[in-house]
Amino acid sequence: MKIFGSFCSGLWSERHQRAYFGFGETFLFTLIPKQIKYPWVGKRSNEQNQVKRELFIFVDQEKLIIGGGNGDGIYVDQSLCQGHTNHCETFDNQSLCSQIDFTISVLEMYALDSSAS
């Protein structure tokens, strides 16, 4: 069993305004078999491909992607049952599980609404 995921910072309503959205507080993580956090690599000066380091979240009718740049940190297909994980430049992470392609047995999503009183 592998447990991994992400914390996504940003307004999901922005998904219609631009291809990738989100903020630098977004990160990837693994819990089982080992606890590892992959934070945003940040803006590093004097490096090429800076745009690839700010590919936080992408959502459309066919997929959800978290992290980009020469690979997807987490990719989940429209069925929410299949996905894959690779190294990506946004988080400079390792693959989050031993197999690149995976089947999702449990998917949990939580939303925090800062406008709620």
N, C-alpha and C. Protein backbone atom coordinates (compact mmCIF):
# COMPACT_ATOMS: atom_id res chain seq x y z
N MET A 1 0.85 -1.18 0.00
CA MET A 1 0.00 0.00 0.00
C MET A 1 0.89 1.24 0.00
N LYS A 2 0.50 2.21 -0.80
CA LYS A 2 1.18 3.51 -0.88
C LYS A 2 0.15 4.59 -0.58
N ILE A 3 0.55 5.58 0.20
CA ILE A 3 -0.30 6.73 0.45
C ILE A 3 0.51 7.97 0.10
N PHE A 4 -0.02 8.75 -0.84
CA PHE A 4 0.65 9.98 -1.25
C PHE A 4 -0.40 10.97 -1.71
N GLY A 5 -0.01 12.21 -1.88
CA GLY A 5 -0.96 13.22 -2.32
C GLY A 5 -0.34 14.58 -2.44
N SER A 6 -1.19 15.58 -2.29
CA SER A 6 -0.73 16.95 -2.39
C SER A 6 -1.62 17.87 -1.56
N PHE A 7 -1.05 19.01 -1.22
CA PHE A 7 -1.81 20.13 -0.68
C PHE A 7 -1.81 21.16 -1.79
N CYS A 8 -2.99 21.58 -2.21
CA CYS A 8 -3.12 22.52 -3.33
C CYS A 8 -3.57 23.88 -2.83
N SER A 9 -2.73 24.85 -3.00
CA SER A 9 -3.03 26.21 -2.58
C SER A 9 -3.44 27.04 -3.78
N GLY A 10 -4.59 27.62 -3.71
CA GLY A 10 -5.07 28.46 -4.81
C GLY A 10 -6.57 28.41 -4.92
N LEU A 11 -7.10 29.31 -5.69
CA LEU A 11 -8.54 29.37 -5.92
C LEU A 11 -8.89 28.50 -7.12
N TRP A 12 -9.70 27.46 -6.91
CA TRP A 12 -10.06 26.55 -8.00
C TRP A 12 -10.89 27.26 -9.06
N SER A 13 -11.48 28.39 -8.71
CA SER A 13 -12.23 29.15 -9.71
C SER A 13 -11.29 29.71 -10.78
N GLU A 14 -10.00 29.82 -10.49
CA GLU A 14 -9.02 30.32 -11.47
C GLU A 14 -8.72 29.31 -12.58
N ARG A 15 -9.20 28.09 -12.44
CA ARG A 15 -8.89 27.05 -13.43
C ARG A 15 -9.44 27.40 -14.81
N HIS A 16 -10.41 28.28 -14.87
CA HIS A 16 -10.98 28.68 -16.15
C HIS A 16 -10.26 29.89 -16.76
N GLN A 17 -9.42 30.54 -15.98
CA GLN A 17 -8.79 31.77 -16.43
C GLN A 17 -7.40 31.54 -17.03
N ARG A 18 -6.75 30.46 -16.67
CA ARG A 18 -5.42 30.17 -17.22
C ARG A 18 -5.14 28.69 -17.13
N ALA A 19 -4.17 28.22 -17.87
CA ALA A 19 -3.90 26.79 -17.94
C ALA A 19 -3.54 26.23 -16.56
N TYR A 20 -2.47 26.69 -15.97
CA TYR A 20 -2.06 26.26 -14.63
C TYR A 20 -2.39 27.37 -13.64
N PHE A 21 -2.77 26.99 -12.44
CA PHE A 21 -3.08 27.97 -11.41
C PHE A 21 -2.52 27.47 -10.09
N GLY A 22 -2.64 28.27 -9.06
CA GLY A 22 -2.15 27.89 -7.74
C GLY A 22 -1.01 28.77 -7.29
N PHE A 23 -0.54 28.48 -6.07
CA PHE A 23 0.49 29.29 -5.44
C PHE A 23 1.61 28.40 -4.89
N GLY A 24 2.67 29.04 -4.49
CA GLY A 24 3.87 28.35 -4.00
C GLY A 24 3.71 27.58 -2.71
N GLU A 25 2.58 27.70 -2.04
CA GLU A 25 2.33 26.90 -0.84
C GLU A 25 1.94 25.47 -1.19
N THR A 26 1.65 25.22 -2.47
CA THR A 26 1.30 23.88 -2.94
C THR A 26 2.51 22.95 -2.75
N PHE A 27 2.25 21.71 -2.37
CA PHE A 27 3.34 20.73 -2.25
C PHE A 27 2.83 19.32 -2.48
N LEU A 28 3.75 18.41 -2.78
CA LEU A 28 3.46 16.98 -2.89
C LEU A 28 3.99 16.30 -1.63
N PHE A 29 3.44 15.12 -1.31
CA PHE A 29 3.93 14.38 -0.16
C PHE A 29 3.69 12.88 -0.32
N THR A 30 4.45 12.12 0.43
CA THR A 30 4.18 10.69 0.62
C THR A 30 4.04 10.45 2.12
N LEU A 31 3.16 9.53 2.50
CA LEU A 31 2.99 9.15 3.91
C LEU A 31 3.46 7.72 4.16
N ILE A 32 3.10 6.82 3.26
CA ILE A 32 3.49 5.41 3.37
C ILE A 32 4.07 4.99 2.03
N PRO A 33 5.23 4.41 1.97
CA PRO A 33 5.98 3.78 3.05
C PRO A 33 6.88 4.73 3.84
N LYS A 34 7.12 5.96 3.35
CA LYS A 34 8.01 6.89 4.03
C LYS A 34 7.43 8.29 3.94
N GLN A 35 7.53 9.06 5.02
CA GLN A 35 7.01 10.41 5.03
C GLN A 35 8.03 11.37 4.41
N ILE A 36 7.63 11.96 3.27
CA ILE A 36 8.49 12.91 2.57
C ILE A 36 7.61 14.05 2.06
N LYS A 37 8.08 15.28 2.22
CA LYS A 37 7.39 16.45 1.69
C LYS A 37 8.24 17.03 0.57
N TYR A 38 7.59 17.35 -0.55
CA TYR A 38 8.26 17.98 -1.70
C TYR A 38 7.66 19.37 -1.90
N PRO A 39 8.24 20.39 -1.29
CA PRO A 39 7.72 21.75 -1.46
C PRO A 39 8.11 22.32 -2.81
N TRP A 40 7.48 23.42 -3.17
CA TRP A 40 7.80 24.15 -4.39
C TRP A 40 9.27 24.55 -4.36
N VAL A 41 9.95 24.37 -5.46
CA VAL A 41 11.38 24.71 -5.52
C VAL A 41 11.60 26.21 -5.48
N GLY A 42 10.56 26.99 -5.73
CA GLY A 42 10.67 28.44 -5.65
C GLY A 42 11.28 29.05 -6.88
N LYS A 43 11.40 30.32 -6.83
CA LYS A 43 12.00 31.04 -7.94
C LYS A 43 13.51 31.07 -7.73
N ARG A 44 14.21 30.39 -8.57
CA ARG A 44 15.66 30.39 -8.52
C ARG A 44 16.17 31.30 -9.62
N SER A 45 16.97 32.25 -9.25
CA SER A 45 17.44 33.21 -10.26
C SER A 45 18.49 32.57 -11.17
N ASN A 46 18.62 33.16 -12.34
CA ASN A 46 19.62 32.74 -13.33
C ASN A 46 19.44 31.30 -13.81
N GLU A 47 18.24 30.79 -13.79
CA GLU A 47 17.99 29.44 -14.31
C GLU A 47 17.03 29.52 -15.49
N GLN A 48 17.24 28.66 -16.46
CA GLN A 48 16.33 28.58 -17.59
C GLN A 48 15.07 27.84 -17.18
N ASN A 49 14.05 27.96 -18.00
CA ASN A 49 12.78 27.24 -17.80
C ASN A 49 12.09 27.61 -16.49
N GLN A 50 12.16 28.87 -16.09
CA GLN A 50 11.51 29.32 -14.87
C GLN A 50 10.02 29.01 -14.88
N VAL A 51 9.37 29.11 -16.04
CA VAL A 51 7.93 28.87 -16.13
C VAL A 51 7.59 27.47 -15.65
N LYS A 52 8.42 26.48 -15.95
CA LYS A 52 8.14 25.10 -15.54
C LYS A 52 8.13 24.94 -14.04
N ARG A 53 8.73 25.85 -13.33
CA ARG A 53 8.78 25.77 -11.87
C ARG A 53 7.52 26.34 -11.21
N GLU A 54 6.60 26.88 -12.01
CA GLU A 54 5.37 27.45 -11.46
C GLU A 54 4.13 26.75 -12.01
N LEU A 55 4.26 25.48 -12.38
CA LEU A 55 3.14 24.70 -12.89
C LEU A 55 2.52 23.93 -11.73
N PHE A 56 1.67 24.58 -10.97
CA PHE A 56 1.14 23.99 -9.74
C PHE A 56 -0.03 23.04 -10.01
N ILE A 57 -1.14 23.55 -10.54
CA ILE A 57 -2.36 22.74 -10.69
C ILE A 57 -2.97 22.98 -12.07
N PHE A 58 -3.36 21.89 -12.73
CA PHE A 58 -4.05 21.97 -14.01
C PHE A 58 -5.27 21.07 -13.92
N VAL A 59 -6.43 21.60 -14.32
CA VAL A 59 -7.68 20.82 -14.28
C VAL A 59 -8.46 21.08 -15.56
N ASP A 60 -8.93 20.02 -16.20
CA ASP A 60 -9.91 20.16 -17.28
C ASP A 60 -10.85 18.97 -17.21
N GLN A 61 -11.65 18.75 -18.24
CA GLN A 61 -12.64 17.67 -18.23
C GLN A 61 -12.02 16.28 -18.26
N GLU A 62 -10.74 16.18 -18.62
CA GLU A 62 -10.11 14.88 -18.80
C GLU A 62 -9.08 14.50 -17.75
N LYS A 63 -8.59 15.49 -16.98
CA LYS A 63 -7.50 15.17 -16.06
C LYS A 63 -7.32 16.23 -14.98
N LEU A 64 -6.61 15.83 -13.95
CA LEU A 64 -6.13 16.69 -12.88
C LEU A 64 -4.63 16.46 -12.79
N ILE A 65 -3.85 17.52 -12.87
CA ILE A 65 -2.39 17.41 -12.78
C ILE A 65 -1.91 18.34 -11.68
N ILE A 66 -1.02 17.82 -10.85
CA ILE A 66 -0.40 18.65 -9.82
C ILE A 66 1.11 18.56 -10.02
N GLY A 67 1.70 19.68 -10.35
CA GLY A 67 3.13 19.73 -10.62
C GLY A 67 3.44 19.42 -12.06
N GLY A 68 4.28 20.23 -12.68
CA GLY A 68 4.61 20.02 -14.08
C GLY A 68 6.04 20.40 -14.39
N GLY A 69 6.37 20.29 -15.65
CA GLY A 69 7.72 20.58 -16.12
C GLY A 69 8.49 19.30 -16.31
N ASN A 70 8.53 18.80 -17.54
CA ASN A 70 9.21 17.54 -17.87
C ASN A 70 8.66 16.35 -17.08
N GLY A 71 7.39 16.36 -16.82
CA GLY A 71 6.71 15.27 -16.12
C GLY A 71 5.62 15.83 -15.22
N ASP A 72 4.68 14.99 -14.84
CA ASP A 72 3.60 15.37 -13.94
C ASP A 72 3.87 14.79 -12.56
N GLY A 73 3.86 15.63 -11.53
CA GLY A 73 4.02 15.13 -10.17
C GLY A 73 2.95 14.10 -9.85
N ILE A 74 1.70 14.50 -10.03
CA ILE A 74 0.55 13.59 -9.91
C ILE A 74 -0.38 13.88 -11.08
N TYR A 75 -0.79 12.83 -11.76
CA TYR A 75 -1.76 12.92 -12.85
C TYR A 75 -2.89 11.96 -12.50
N VAL A 76 -4.14 12.44 -12.51
CA VAL A 76 -5.33 11.62 -12.26
C VAL A 76 -6.26 11.78 -13.46
N ASP A 77 -6.71 10.66 -14.03
CA ASP A 77 -7.57 10.75 -15.21
C ASP A 77 -9.02 11.06 -14.83
N GLN A 78 -9.87 11.27 -15.84
CA GLN A 78 -11.25 11.69 -15.61
C GLN A 78 -12.09 10.67 -14.85
N SER A 79 -11.71 9.41 -14.87
CA SER A 79 -12.45 8.40 -14.12
C SER A 79 -12.16 8.47 -12.62
N LEU A 80 -11.10 9.17 -12.25
CA LEU A 80 -10.60 9.25 -10.87
C LEU A 80 -10.17 7.88 -10.35
N CYS A 81 -9.87 6.97 -11.27
CA CYS A 81 -9.46 5.61 -10.90
C CYS A 81 -8.03 5.28 -11.33
N GLN A 82 -7.48 6.01 -12.28
CA GLN A 82 -6.15 5.73 -12.80
C GLN A 82 -5.29 6.99 -12.75
N GLY A 83 -4.00 6.79 -12.63
CA GLY A 83 -3.11 7.94 -12.64
C GLY A 83 -1.67 7.52 -12.83
N HIS A 84 -0.80 8.51 -12.81
CA HIS A 84 0.63 8.24 -12.83
C HIS A 84 1.36 9.35 -12.08
N THR A 85 2.58 9.05 -11.71
CA THR A 85 3.41 10.00 -10.98
C THR A 85 4.83 9.95 -11.54
N ASN A 86 5.40 11.12 -11.71
CA ASN A 86 6.76 11.26 -12.23
C ASN A 86 7.46 12.41 -11.53
N HIS A 87 8.75 12.51 -11.79
CA HIS A 87 9.49 13.69 -11.37
C HIS A 87 8.94 14.89 -12.12
N CYS A 88 8.85 16.03 -11.46
CA CYS A 88 8.47 17.27 -12.14
C CYS A 88 9.36 18.40 -11.62
N GLU A 89 9.54 19.41 -12.44
CA GLU A 89 10.42 20.52 -12.08
C GLU A 89 9.82 21.43 -11.02
N THR A 90 8.51 21.50 -10.93
CA THR A 90 7.87 22.38 -9.95
C THR A 90 8.26 21.99 -8.52
N PHE A 91 8.34 20.69 -8.24
CA PHE A 91 8.64 20.23 -6.89
C PHE A 91 9.95 19.45 -6.78
N ASP A 92 10.61 19.19 -7.90
CA ASP A 92 11.86 18.41 -7.94
C ASP A 92 11.71 17.13 -7.10
N ASN A 93 10.60 16.46 -7.29
CA ASN A 93 10.25 15.27 -6.52
C ASN A 93 10.70 13.99 -7.21
N GLN A 94 10.75 12.93 -6.42
CA GLN A 94 10.88 11.59 -6.97
C GLN A 94 9.46 11.12 -7.30
N SER A 95 9.35 10.04 -8.07
CA SER A 95 8.04 9.42 -8.28
C SER A 95 7.46 9.10 -6.90
N LEU A 96 6.18 9.35 -6.69
CA LEU A 96 5.57 9.20 -5.37
C LEU A 96 5.23 7.77 -4.99
N CYS A 97 5.33 6.84 -5.93
CA CYS A 97 5.15 5.43 -5.61
C CYS A 97 6.10 4.61 -6.48
N SER A 98 6.22 3.34 -6.18
CA SER A 98 7.20 2.49 -6.86
C SER A 98 6.87 2.25 -8.33
N GLN A 99 5.60 2.30 -8.68
CA GLN A 99 5.17 2.16 -10.07
C GLN A 99 4.78 3.53 -10.60
N ILE A 100 5.18 3.86 -11.81
CA ILE A 100 4.80 5.15 -12.40
C ILE A 100 3.29 5.23 -12.57
N ASP A 101 2.68 4.18 -13.13
CA ASP A 101 1.23 4.12 -13.30
C ASP A 101 0.62 3.46 -12.07
N PHE A 102 -0.51 3.97 -11.63
CA PHE A 102 -1.16 3.40 -10.44
C PHE A 102 -2.67 3.39 -10.61
N THR A 103 -3.32 2.54 -9.83
CA THR A 103 -4.77 2.48 -9.72
C THR A 103 -5.15 3.07 -8.37
N ILE A 104 -6.13 3.93 -8.37
CA ILE A 104 -6.56 4.60 -7.14
C ILE A 104 -7.60 3.73 -6.45
N SER A 105 -7.32 3.35 -5.22
CA SER A 105 -8.32 2.58 -4.47
C SER A 105 -9.14 3.49 -3.56
N VAL A 106 -8.55 4.58 -3.07
CA VAL A 106 -9.26 5.56 -2.25
C VAL A 106 -8.76 6.94 -2.65
N LEU A 107 -9.68 7.83 -2.95
CA LEU A 107 -9.33 9.20 -3.28
C LEU A 107 -10.07 10.11 -2.32
N GLU A 108 -9.34 10.94 -1.60
CA GLU A 108 -9.94 11.88 -0.66
C GLU A 108 -9.58 13.29 -1.08
N MET A 109 -10.57 14.18 -1.07
CA MET A 109 -10.35 15.60 -1.37
C MET A 109 -11.09 16.40 -0.33
N TYR A 110 -10.41 17.43 0.17
CA TYR A 110 -11.00 18.33 1.16
C TYR A 110 -10.84 19.75 0.66
N ALA A 111 -11.80 20.59 0.92
CA ALA A 111 -11.72 22.00 0.54
C ALA A 111 -11.87 22.86 1.79
N LEU A 112 -11.03 23.85 1.90
CA LEU A 112 -11.13 24.82 2.98
C LEU A 112 -11.56 26.15 2.36
N ASP A 113 -12.63 26.71 2.89
CA ASP A 113 -13.18 27.95 2.35
C ASP A 113 -12.84 29.09 3.30
N SER A 114 -11.93 29.95 2.88
CA SER A 114 -11.50 31.06 3.73
C SER A 114 -12.57 32.14 3.85
N SER A 115 -13.57 32.12 2.99
CA SER A 115 -14.62 33.14 3.06
C SER A 115 -15.73 32.75 4.03
N ALA A 116 -15.70 31.52 4.51
CA ALA A 116 -16.75 31.08 5.45
C ALA A 116 -16.58 31.77 6.80
N SER A 117 -17.69 32.11 7.42
CA SER A 117 -17.62 32.80 8.72
C SER A 117 -17.83 31.83 9.84
